[in-house]
Amino acid sequence: MASNRADQAYHLLDSDDVETATKPLYRVYDGRKWLPKWQRLSWTAVSIILAIGLSAASGFVIGYLLSANRYSSGLSPYMGLAYNQKEALWWNTRYSDEAATEVELNQLWDTQIPWESGIISLDNDEARAMNLPESQPFPWDAGKKSLYIVNAHHLLHCVRNLYISIHQYRANLTQTINYPHILHCLDTLRVEVMCTADDTLRYVPLNSAHGSPRPGDGQLRKCRNWDQVQSFVKQHDPCYRYLKPGDTKISNLERFKFCPEESGYLPKIRKYFGYDDAWVPAPQEGPRELLW
């Protein structure tokens, strides 16, 4: 004898069964009533799609809120920097000390502007988490890391270029940095000033037309922590050094071989350049682009 379930599933409707004539054949029991399989599967698919959609939406919202929270708290989006360092403004620093000799200034501007360290290698997953565009691959780990330039260090590169150009002009030396590059640097500083829009109101000293103090001397303002920036770039060191400045024929790989002794990339560098197993990069000493 067929089971009641089978009777319910495959029962042929009588012509007199007006009430049930418009209903579909029941096939699957959902705990409350028998449903056609297509209906049960449709609701399952809809549930899965809704779950995926809600999960994606919640992930987006959480990411957005975290990002918005960082911005609203005044933290920078990439290194989490805050304006929490009190620094005094001065008309002159040691980089523009009127009592310093030209040799002393040249040495400072040549060796103490850490622009090179702003070229960094980021793990691709880290870059994606920061929502950064794709970038040039890091030569010694191309499948995993990419190269980026910290904007602050690019600005340091530009002010250093301007000093070099001014010094060469004053000393009647051949300009080693072409005019379009210098113009680019000037324009970059213009854009950065307007973007940052530092609204510090420098005081004007009383009864001091040209003497000391100068406008703003000793006035405190809030700055970001430069040591925190340098700590970040050190953790993402791509072994870069601007070898042979201005040489357009040198391979860029030559400039990415200055890894510390403990670096895991040294064996690959030695093999590529044909160096022996004892080779390590020599320390950078002496003048680079300025005479001192």
C-alpha atoms as a PDB file:
ATOM      1  CA  MET A   1       0.000   0.000   0.000  1.00  0.00           C
ATOM      2  CA  ALA A   2       1.360   3.359  -0.914  1.00  0.00           C
ATOM      3  CA  SER A   3       2.182   5.694   1.943  1.00  0.00           C
ATOM      4  CA  ASN A   4       0.122   8.781   2.728  1.00  0.00           C
ATOM      5  CA  ARG A   5       3.184  10.862   1.821  1.00  0.00           C
ATOM      6  CA  ALA A   6       3.248   9.322  -1.643  1.00  0.00           C
ATOM      7  CA  ASP A   7      -0.464   9.938  -2.018  1.00  0.00           C
ATOM      8  CA  GLN A   8       0.020  13.558  -1.085  1.00  0.00           C
ATOM      9  CA  ALA A   9       2.986  13.961  -3.397  1.00  0.00           C
ATOM     10  CA  TYR A  10       1.529  12.466  -6.536  1.00  0.00           C
ATOM     11  CA  HIS A  11      -2.255  12.740  -6.028  1.00  0.00           C
ATOM     12  CA  LEU A  12      -4.119  13.470  -9.289  1.00  0.00           C
ATOM     13  CA  LEU A  13      -6.718  16.146  -8.840  1.00  0.00           C
ATOM     14  CA  ASP A  14     -10.386  15.431  -9.504  1.00  0.00           C
ATOM     15  CA  SER A  15     -12.280  17.836 -11.697  1.00  0.00           C
ATOM     16  CA  ASP A  16     -14.582  18.459  -8.743  1.00  0.00           C
ATOM     17  CA  ASP A  17     -11.683  19.474  -6.505  1.00  0.00           C
ATOM     18  CA  VAL A  18     -12.162  23.191  -7.160  1.00  0.00           C
ATOM     19  CA  GLU A  19     -10.278  24.391  -4.092  1.00  0.00           C
ATOM     20  CA  THR A  20      -7.090  22.563  -4.965  1.00  0.00           C
ATOM     21  CA  ALA A  21      -7.256  22.918  -8.737  1.00  0.00           C
ATOM     22  CA  THR A  22      -5.051  26.014  -8.794  1.00  0.00           C
ATOM     23  CA  LYS A  23      -2.476  24.711  -6.309  1.00  0.00           C
ATOM     24  CA  PRO A  24       0.833  23.070  -7.395  1.00  0.00           C
ATOM     25  CA  LEU A  25       1.662  19.452  -6.623  1.00  0.00           C
ATOM     26  CA  TYR A  26       3.248  19.195  -3.181  1.00  0.00           C
ATOM     27  CA  ARG A  27       6.634  17.463  -3.267  1.00  0.00           C
ATOM     28  CA  VAL A  28       8.808  18.504  -0.291  1.00  0.00           C
ATOM     29  CA  TYR A  29       7.824  18.945   3.339  1.00  0.00           C
ATOM     30  CA  ASP A  30       9.310  22.062   4.997  1.00  0.00           C
ATOM     31  CA  GLY A  31       8.040  21.330   8.497  1.00  0.00           C
ATOM     32  CA  ARG A  32       4.743  23.095   7.945  1.00  0.00           C
ATOM     33  CA  LYS A  33       3.488  21.998   4.533  1.00  0.00           C
ATOM     34  CA  TRP A  34       4.571  20.227   1.391  1.00  0.00           C
ATOM     35  CA  LEU A  35       6.240  22.505  -1.149  1.00  0.00           C
ATOM     36  CA  PRO A  36       7.310  22.000  -4.752  1.00  0.00           C
ATOM     37  CA  LYS A  37      11.081  21.449  -5.006  1.00  0.00           C
ATOM     38  CA  TRP A  38      11.608  24.498  -7.181  1.00  0.00           C
ATOM     39  CA  GLN A  39      10.022  26.706  -4.517  1.00  0.00           C
ATOM     40  CA  ARG A  40      12.155  25.219  -1.731  1.00  0.00           C
ATOM     41  CA  LEU A  41      15.333  25.612  -3.829  1.00  0.00           C
ATOM     42  CA  SER A  42      14.396  29.164  -4.835  1.00  0.00           C
ATOM     43  CA  TRP A  43      14.041  30.225  -1.220  1.00  0.00           C
ATOM     44  CA  THR A  44      17.365  28.536  -0.392  1.00  0.00           C
ATOM     45  CA  ALA A  45      19.119  30.393  -3.221  1.00  0.00           C
ATOM     46  CA  VAL A  46      17.550  33.673  -2.184  1.00  0.00           C
ATOM     47  CA  SER A  47      18.653  33.096   1.411  1.00  0.00           C
ATOM     48  CA  ILE A  48      22.241  32.394   0.324  1.00  0.00           C
ATOM     49  CA  ILE A  49      22.327  35.465  -1.921  1.00  0.00           C
ATOM     50  CA  LEU A  50      20.918  37.634   0.858  1.00  0.00           C
ATOM     51  CA  ALA A  51      23.464  36.269   3.340  1.00  0.00           C
ATOM     52  CA  ILE A  52      26.353  36.973   0.956  1.00  0.00           C
ATOM     53  CA  GLY A  53      25.009  40.438   0.194  1.00  0.00           C
ATOM     54  CA  LEU A  54      24.534  41.296   3.850  1.00  0.00           C
ATOM     55  CA  SER A  55      28.012  39.990   4.683  1.00  0.00           C
ATOM     56  CA  ALA A  56      29.610  42.083   1.932  1.00  0.00           C
ATOM     57  CA  ALA A  57      27.594  45.140   2.907  1.00  0.00           C
ATOM     58  CA  SER A  58      28.469  44.789   6.582  1.00  0.00           C
ATOM     59  CA  GLY A  59      32.157  44.396   5.680  1.00  0.00           C
ATOM     60  CA  PHE A  60      31.990  47.556   3.588  1.00  0.00           C
ATOM     61  CA  VAL A  61      30.209  49.469   6.338  1.00  0.00           C
ATOM     62  CA  ILE A  62      32.686  48.320   9.004  1.00  0.00           C
ATOM     63  CA  GLY A  63      35.642  49.234   6.763  1.00  0.00           C
ATOM     64  CA  TYR A  64      34.081  52.590   5.992  1.00  0.00           C
ATOM     65  CA  LEU A  65      33.394  53.309   9.657  1.00  0.00           C
ATOM     66  CA  LEU A  66      36.945  52.383  10.658  1.00  0.00           C
ATOM     67  CA  SER A  67      38.332  54.602   7.896  1.00  0.00           C
ATOM     68  CA  ALA A  68      35.956  57.414   8.791  1.00  0.00           C
ATOM     69  CA  ASN A  69      36.876  57.054  12.444  1.00  0.00           C
ATOM     70  CA  ARG A  70      40.562  57.407  11.586  1.00  0.00           C
ATOM     71  CA  TYR A  71      39.866  60.543   9.573  1.00  0.00           C
ATOM     72  CA  SER A  72      37.510  61.991  12.170  1.00  0.00           C
ATOM     73  CA  SER A  73      40.083  61.358  14.887  1.00  0.00           C
ATOM     74  CA  GLY A  74      42.646  63.335  12.888  1.00  0.00           C
ATOM     75  CA  LEU A  75      44.893  60.351  12.123  1.00  0.00           C
ATOM     76  CA  SER A  76      46.582  60.050   8.746  1.00  0.00           C
ATOM     77  CA  PRO A  77      45.230  57.193   6.604  1.00  0.00           C
ATOM     78  CA  TYR A  78      48.447  55.201   6.080  1.00  0.00           C
ATOM     79  CA  MET A  79      50.708  55.550   9.124  1.00  0.00           C
ATOM     80  CA  GLY A  80      48.142  56.686  11.674  1.00  0.00           C
ATOM     81  CA  LEU A  81      49.952  59.972  12.309  1.00  0.00           C
ATOM     82  CA  ALA A  82      48.471  62.627  14.571  1.00  0.00           C
ATOM     83  CA  TYR A  83      49.354  66.277  15.110  1.00  0.00           C
ATOM     84  CA  ASN A  84      50.622  65.582  18.616  1.00  0.00           C
ATOM     85  CA  GLN A  85      54.187  66.944  18.627  1.00  0.00           C
ATOM     86  CA  LYS A  86      54.815  70.476  19.897  1.00  0.00           C
ATOM     87  CA  GLU A  87      57.472  72.175  17.790  1.00  0.00           C
ATOM     88  CA  ALA A  88      58.698  75.773  17.807  1.00  0.00           C
ATOM     89  CA  LEU A  89      58.854  77.818  14.621  1.00  0.00           C
ATOM     90  CA  TRP A  90      62.171  79.517  13.826  1.00  0.00           C
ATOM     91  CA  TRP A  91      63.061  81.901  11.018  1.00  0.00           C
ATOM     92  CA  ASN A  92      66.365  80.078  10.581  1.00  0.00           C
ATOM     93  CA  THR A  93      67.498  76.552  11.414  1.00  0.00           C
ATOM     94  CA  ARG A  94      70.909  74.962  11.019  1.00  0.00           C
ATOM     95  CA  TYR A  95      70.032  74.362   7.357  1.00  0.00           C
ATOM     96  CA  SER A  96      69.870  78.123   6.791  1.00  0.00           C
ATOM     97  CA  ASP A  97      72.199  79.366   9.523  1.00  0.00           C
ATOM     98  CA  GLU A  98      73.658  82.668   8.323  1.00  0.00           C
ATOM     99  CA  ALA A  99      76.768  82.043  10.421  1.00  0.00           C
ATOM    100  CA  ALA A 100      77.461  78.638   8.833  1.00  0.00           C
ATOM    101  CA  THR A 101      80.067  78.227   6.116  1.00  0.00           C
ATOM    102  CA  GLU A 102      79.108  77.106   2.632  1.00  0.00           C
ATOM    103  CA  VAL A 103      80.906  73.805   3.217  1.00  0.00           C
ATOM    104  CA  GLU A 104      78.907  73.177   6.393  1.00  0.00           C
ATOM    105  CA  LEU A 105      75.620  73.933   4.663  1.00  0.00           C
ATOM    106  CA  ASN A 106      76.533  71.798   1.653  1.00  0.00           C
ATOM    107  CA  GLN A 107      77.327  68.832   3.879  1.00  0.00           C
ATOM    108  CA  LEU A 108      74.009  69.157   5.687  1.00  0.00           C
ATOM    109  CA  TRP A 109      71.930  69.417   2.531  1.00  0.00           C
ATOM    110  CA  ASP A 110      73.920  66.673   0.801  1.00  0.00           C
ATOM    111  CA  THR A 111      73.849  64.030   3.538  1.00  0.00           C
ATOM    112  CA  GLN A 112      71.208  64.863   6.158  1.00  0.00           C
ATOM    113  CA  ILE A 113      68.081  65.050   3.999  1.00  0.00           C
ATOM    114  CA  PRO A 114      66.706  61.475   4.217  1.00  0.00           C
ATOM    115  CA  TRP A 115      64.771  61.538   0.967  1.00  0.00           C
ATOM    116  CA  GLU A 116      66.047  58.152  -0.264  1.00  0.00           C
ATOM    117  CA  SER A 117      64.438  56.308   2.639  1.00  0.00           C
ATOM    118  CA  GLY A 118      61.018  57.394   1.355  1.00  0.00           C
ATOM    119  CA  ILE A 119      61.209  54.843  -1.436  1.00  0.00           C
ATOM    120  CA  ILE A 120      59.673  51.788   0.218  1.00  0.00           C
ATOM    121  CA  SER A 121      58.500  48.272  -0.580  1.00  0.00           C
ATOM    122  CA  LEU A 122      55.033  47.274   0.616  1.00  0.00           C
ATOM    123  CA  ASP A 123      53.614  43.784   0.816  1.00  0.00           C
ATOM    124  CA  ASN A 124      50.873  43.585  -1.821  1.00  0.00           C
ATOM    125  CA  ASP A 125      48.290  42.503   0.750  1.00  0.00           C
ATOM    126  CA  GLU A 126      49.209  45.507   2.897  1.00  0.00           C
ATOM    127  CA  ALA A 127      48.898  47.814  -0.115  1.00  0.00           C
ATOM    128  CA  ARG A 128      45.461  46.407  -0.950  1.00  0.00           C
ATOM    129  CA  ALA A 129      44.349  46.853   2.657  1.00  0.00           C
ATOM    130  CA  MET A 130      45.358  50.517   2.312  1.00  0.00           C
ATOM    131  CA  ASN A 131      43.336  50.717  -0.935  1.00  0.00           C
ATOM    132  CA  LEU A 132      46.445  51.801  -2.862  1.00  0.00           C
ATOM    133  CA  PRO A 133      46.743  51.566  -6.661  1.00  0.00           C
ATOM    134  CA  GLU A 134      48.955  48.842  -8.117  1.00  0.00           C
ATOM    135  CA  SER A 135      52.578  49.917  -8.340  1.00  0.00           C
ATOM    136  CA  GLN A 136      55.934  48.829  -9.742  1.00  0.00           C
ATOM    137  CA  PRO A 137      57.045  45.438  -8.368  1.00  0.00           C
ATOM    138  CA  PHE A 138      59.927  45.257  -5.912  1.00  0.00           C
ATOM    139  CA  PRO A 139      62.714  43.670  -8.020  1.00  0.00           C
ATOM    140  CA  TRP A 140      63.863  41.056  -5.474  1.00  0.00           C
ATOM    141  CA  ASP A 141      60.363  39.885  -4.502  1.00  0.00           C
ATOM    142  CA  ALA A 142      58.209  40.853  -7.484  1.00  0.00           C
ATOM    143  CA  GLY A 143      55.342  38.488  -6.760  1.00  0.00           C
ATOM    144  CA  LYS A 144      54.840  39.670  -3.206  1.00  0.00           C
ATOM    145  CA  LYS A 145      55.902  43.322  -2.878  1.00  0.00           C
ATOM    146  CA  SER A 146      55.572  46.627  -4.746  1.00  0.00           C
ATOM    147  CA  LEU A 147      57.358  49.985  -4.622  1.00  0.00           C
ATOM    148  CA  TYR A 148      55.810  53.207  -3.300  1.00  0.00           C
ATOM    149  CA  ILE A 149      57.158  56.700  -2.525  1.00  0.00           C
ATOM    150  CA  VAL A 150      56.247  58.480   0.702  1.00  0.00           C
ATOM    151  CA  ASN A 151      55.040  61.960  -0.270  1.00  0.00           C
ATOM    152  CA  ALA A 152      56.911  63.713   2.550  1.00  0.00           C
ATOM    153  CA  HIS A 153      60.205  62.270   1.323  1.00  0.00           C
ATOM    154  CA  HIS A 154      59.443  63.323  -2.229  1.00  0.00           C
ATOM    155  CA  LEU A 155      59.056  66.869  -0.892  1.00  0.00           C
ATOM    156  CA  LEU A 156      62.432  66.556   0.849  1.00  0.00           C
ATOM    157  CA  HIS A 157      63.902  65.399  -2.444  1.00  0.00           C
ATOM    158  CA  CYS A 158      62.495  68.545  -4.057  1.00  0.00           C
ATOM    159  CA  VAL A 159      63.765  71.055  -1.486  1.00  0.00           C
ATOM    160  CA  ARG A 160      67.187  69.379  -1.682  1.00  0.00           C
ATOM    161  CA  ASN A 161      67.124  69.729  -5.476  1.00  0.00           C
ATOM    162  CA  LEU A 162      66.328  73.429  -5.114  1.00  0.00           C
ATOM    163  CA  TYR A 163      69.263  73.903  -2.741  1.00  0.00           C
ATOM    164  CA  ILE A 164      71.582  72.093  -5.165  1.00  0.00           C
ATOM    165  CA  SER A 165      70.416  74.257  -8.064  1.00  0.00           C
ATOM    166  CA  ILE A 166      70.785  77.506  -6.081  1.00  0.00           C
ATOM    167  CA  HIS A 167      74.239  76.521  -4.849  1.00  0.00           C
ATOM    168  CA  GLN A 168      75.411  75.618  -8.361  1.00  0.00           C
ATOM    169  CA  TYR A 169      74.115  78.935  -9.676  1.00  0.00           C
ATOM    170  CA  ARG A 170      75.865  80.905  -6.927  1.00  0.00           C
ATOM    171  CA  ALA A 171      79.121  78.979  -7.424  1.00  0.00           C
ATOM    172  CA  ASN A 172      78.931  79.336 -11.220  1.00  0.00           C
ATOM    173  CA  LEU A 173      78.815  75.554 -11.627  1.00  0.00           C
ATOM    174  CA  THR A 174      77.056  73.526 -14.308  1.00  0.00           C
ATOM    175  CA  GLN A 175      73.473  72.757 -13.387  1.00  0.00           C
ATOM    176  CA  THR A 176      73.138  69.003 -12.807  1.00  0.00           C
ATOM    177  CA  ILE A 177      69.348  69.027 -12.374  1.00  0.00           C
ATOM    178  CA  ASN A 178      67.449  70.098 -15.463  1.00  0.00           C
ATOM    179  CA  TYR A 179      65.055  73.033 -15.498  1.00  0.00           C
ATOM    180  CA  PRO A 180      61.834  70.981 -15.968  1.00  0.00           C
ATOM    181  CA  HIS A 181      62.721  68.979 -12.851  1.00  0.00           C
ATOM    182  CA  ILE A 182      63.345  72.142 -10.832  1.00  0.00           C
ATOM    183  CA  LEU A 183      60.068  73.632 -12.076  1.00  0.00           C
ATOM    184  CA  HIS A 184      58.280  70.410 -11.122  1.00  0.00           C
ATOM    185  CA  CYS A 185      59.718  70.681  -7.614  1.00  0.00           C
ATOM    186  CA  LEU A 186      58.613  74.292  -7.235  1.00  0.00           C
ATOM    187  CA  ASP A 187      55.123  73.424  -8.409  1.00  0.00           C
ATOM    188  CA  THR A 188      55.003  70.389  -6.104  1.00  0.00           C
ATOM    189  CA  LEU A 189      55.777  72.619  -3.118  1.00  0.00           C
ATOM    190  CA  ARG A 190      53.099  75.083  -4.238  1.00  0.00           C
ATOM    191  CA  VAL A 191      50.496  72.316  -4.437  1.00  0.00           C
ATOM    192  CA  GLU A 192      51.561  70.870  -1.082  1.00  0.00           C
ATOM    193  CA  VAL A 193      51.357  74.229   0.696  1.00  0.00           C
ATOM    194  CA  MET A 194      47.818  74.749  -0.563  1.00  0.00           C
ATOM    195  CA  CYS A 195      46.792  71.171   0.241  1.00  0.00           C
ATOM    196  CA  THR A 196      48.165  71.226   3.786  1.00  0.00           C
ATOM    197  CA  ALA A 197      47.036  74.827   4.358  1.00  0.00           C
ATOM    198  CA  ASP A 198      48.903  75.340   7.629  1.00  0.00           C
ATOM    199  CA  ASP A 199      46.833  78.024   9.363  1.00  0.00           C
ATOM    200  CA  THR A 200      49.354  78.862  12.092  1.00  0.00           C
ATOM    201  CA  LEU A 201      49.180  82.617  12.733  1.00  0.00           C
ATOM    202  CA  ARG A 202      52.741  83.876  13.072  1.00  0.00           C
ATOM    203  CA  TYR A 203      53.047  86.806  15.442  1.00  0.00           C
ATOM    204  CA  VAL A 204      54.886  89.929  14.302  1.00  0.00           C
ATOM    205  CA  PRO A 205      57.526  91.062  16.849  1.00  0.00           C
ATOM    206  CA  LEU A 206      57.089  94.517  18.329  1.00  0.00           C
ATOM    207  CA  ASN A 207      59.683  97.142  17.365  1.00  0.00           C
ATOM    208  CA  SER A 208      61.704  94.672  15.278  1.00  0.00           C
ATOM    209  CA  ALA A 209      61.761  95.575  11.607  1.00  0.00           C
ATOM    210  CA  HIS A 210      64.741  93.419  10.572  1.00  0.00           C
ATOM    211  CA  GLY A 211      66.374  92.299  13.779  1.00  0.00           C
ATOM    212  CA  SER A 212      65.737  89.438  16.121  1.00  0.00           C
ATOM    213  CA  PRO A 213      63.289  87.925  16.754  1.00  0.00           C
ATOM    214  CA  ARG A 214      61.670  87.348  13.372  1.00  0.00           C
ATOM    215  CA  PRO A 215      57.964  86.677  12.750  1.00  0.00           C
ATOM    216  CA  GLY A 216      56.923  83.476  14.482  1.00  0.00           C
ATOM    217  CA  ASP A 217      60.242  82.854  16.244  1.00  0.00           C
ATOM    218  CA  GLY A 218      59.714  80.476  19.148  1.00  0.00           C
ATOM    219  CA  GLN A 219      55.998  80.132  18.477  1.00  0.00           C
ATOM    220  CA  LEU A 220      54.660  76.649  19.195  1.00  0.00           C
ATOM    221  CA  ARG A 221      52.540  74.611  16.815  1.00  0.00           C
ATOM    222  CA  LYS A 222      51.479  70.980  16.519  1.00  0.00           C
ATOM    223  CA  CYS A 223      53.361  68.689  14.138  1.00  0.00           C
ATOM    224  CA  ARG A 224      53.316  65.012  13.259  1.00  0.00           C
ATOM    225  CA  ASN A 225      55.945  62.664  14.657  1.00  0.00           C
ATOM    226  CA  TRP A 226      58.756  62.396  12.108  1.00  0.00           C
ATOM    227  CA  ASP A 227      60.390  59.552  14.057  1.00  0.00           C
ATOM    228  CA  GLN A 228      57.203  57.546  13.541  1.00  0.00           C
ATOM    229  CA  VAL A 229      57.462  58.147   9.795  1.00  0.00           C
ATOM    230  CA  GLN A 230      61.100  57.047   9.728  1.00  0.00           C
ATOM    231  CA  SER A 231      60.244  53.964  11.757  1.00  0.00           C
ATOM    232  CA  PHE A 232      57.618  53.019   9.165  1.00  0.00           C
ATOM    233  CA  VAL A 233      59.937  53.460   6.177  1.00  0.00           C
ATOM    234  CA  LYS A 234      62.723  51.535   7.920  1.00  0.00           C
ATOM    235  CA  GLN A 235      60.362  48.581   8.305  1.00  0.00           C
ATOM    236  CA  HIS A 236      59.717  48.725   4.539  1.00  0.00           C
ATOM    237  CA  ASP A 237      63.292  49.320   3.358  1.00  0.00           C
ATOM    238  CA  PRO A 238      63.772  48.292  -0.314  1.00  0.00           C
ATOM    239  CA  CYS A 239      67.590  48.582  -0.141  1.00  0.00           C
ATOM    240  CA  TYR A 240      67.561  51.727  -2.306  1.00  0.00           C
ATOM    241  CA  ARG A 241      70.387  54.218  -2.759  1.00  0.00           C
ATOM    242  CA  TYR A 242      70.546  56.931  -5.423  1.00  0.00           C
ATOM    243  CA  LEU A 243      73.763  55.629  -6.931  1.00  0.00           C
ATOM    244  CA  LYS A 244      75.464  57.804  -9.570  1.00  0.00           C
ATOM    245  CA  PRO A 245      73.050  60.773  -9.465  1.00  0.00           C
ATOM    246  CA  GLY A 246      71.915  61.994 -12.863  1.00  0.00           C
ATOM    247  CA  ASP A 247      73.227  58.915 -14.707  1.00  0.00           C
ATOM    248  CA  THR A 248      70.407  57.896 -17.053  1.00  0.00           C
ATOM    249  CA  LYS A 249      72.272  54.849 -18.400  1.00  0.00           C
ATOM    250  CA  ILE A 250      72.663  53.000 -15.111  1.00  0.00           C
ATOM    251  CA  SER A 251      70.248  50.137 -14.489  1.00  0.00           C
ATOM    252  CA  ASN A 252      67.821  50.867 -11.682  1.00  0.00           C
ATOM    253  CA  LEU A 253      68.617  47.420 -10.257  1.00  0.00           C
ATOM    254  CA  GLU A 254      72.039  48.820  -9.352  1.00  0.00           C
ATOM    255  CA  ARG A 255      70.242  51.191  -6.979  1.00  0.00           C
ATOM    256  CA  PHE A 256      68.283  48.428  -5.216  1.00  0.00           C
ATOM    257  CA  LYS A 257      71.214  46.317  -4.027  1.00  0.00           C
ATOM    258  CA  PHE A 258      72.086  48.081  -0.759  1.00  0.00           C
ATOM    259  CA  CYS A 259      70.456  45.693   1.685  1.00  0.00           C
ATOM    260  CA  PRO A 260      71.736  45.269   5.249  1.00  0.00           C
ATOM    261  CA  GLU A 261      73.808  42.177   6.028  1.00  0.00           C
ATOM    262  CA  GLU A 262      70.898  40.445   7.754  1.00  0.00           C
ATOM    263  CA  SER A 263      68.624  40.879   4.710  1.00  0.00           C
ATOM    264  CA  GLY A 264      67.250  37.734   3.122  1.00  0.00           C
ATOM    265  CA  TYR A 265      67.601  39.356  -0.295  1.00  0.00           C
ATOM    266  CA  LEU A 266      71.414  39.527  -0.296  1.00  0.00           C
ATOM    267  CA  PRO A 267      71.904  35.978  -1.670  1.00  0.00           C
ATOM    268  CA  LYS A 268      69.647  36.803  -4.618  1.00  0.00           C
ATOM    269  CA  ILE A 269      71.489  40.113  -5.201  1.00  0.00           C
ATOM    270  CA  ARG A 270      74.897  38.392  -5.062  1.00  0.00           C
ATOM    271  CA  LYS A 271      73.753  35.791  -7.561  1.00  0.00           C
ATOM    272  CA  TYR A 272      72.265  38.361  -9.961  1.00  0.00           C
ATOM    273  CA  PHE A 273      75.350  40.601 -10.015  1.00  0.00           C
ATOM    274  CA  GLY A 274      77.874  37.755  -9.806  1.00  0.00           C
ATOM    275  CA  TYR A 275      79.263  38.772  -6.402  1.00  0.00           C
ATOM    276  CA  ASP A 276      80.915  36.272  -4.066  1.00  0.00           C
ATOM    277  CA  ASP A 277      79.242  35.047  -0.887  1.00  0.00           C
ATOM    278  CA  ALA A 278      81.150  37.532   1.268  1.00  0.00           C
ATOM    279  CA  TRP A 279      79.971  40.637  -0.613  1.00  0.00           C
ATOM    280  CA  VAL A 280      78.060  43.267   1.345  1.00  0.00           C
ATOM    281  CA  PRO A 281      77.227  46.853   0.303  1.00  0.00           C
ATOM    282  CA  ALA A 282      79.859  49.413   1.244  1.00  0.00           C
ATOM    283  CA  PRO A 283      78.727  52.214   3.572  1.00  0.00           C
ATOM    284  CA  GLN A 284      77.901  55.492   1.880  1.00  0.00           C
ATOM    285  CA  GLU A 285      80.623  58.025   2.577  1.00  0.00           C
ATOM    286  CA  GLY A 286      81.800  61.350   1.200  1.00  0.00           C
ATOM    287  CA  PRO A 287      80.098  63.921  -1.052  1.00  0.00           C
ATOM    288  CA  ARG A 288      77.144  62.885  -3.197  1.00  0.00           C
ATOM    289  CA  GLU A 289      75.835  65.826  -5.214  1.00  0.00           C
ATOM    290  CA  LEU A 290      77.441  68.783  -3.428  1.00  0.00           C
ATOM    291  CA  LEU A 291      81.019  69.767  -2.690  1.00  0.00           C
ATOM    292  CA  TRP A 292      82.155  69.832   0.937  1.00  0.00           C
END
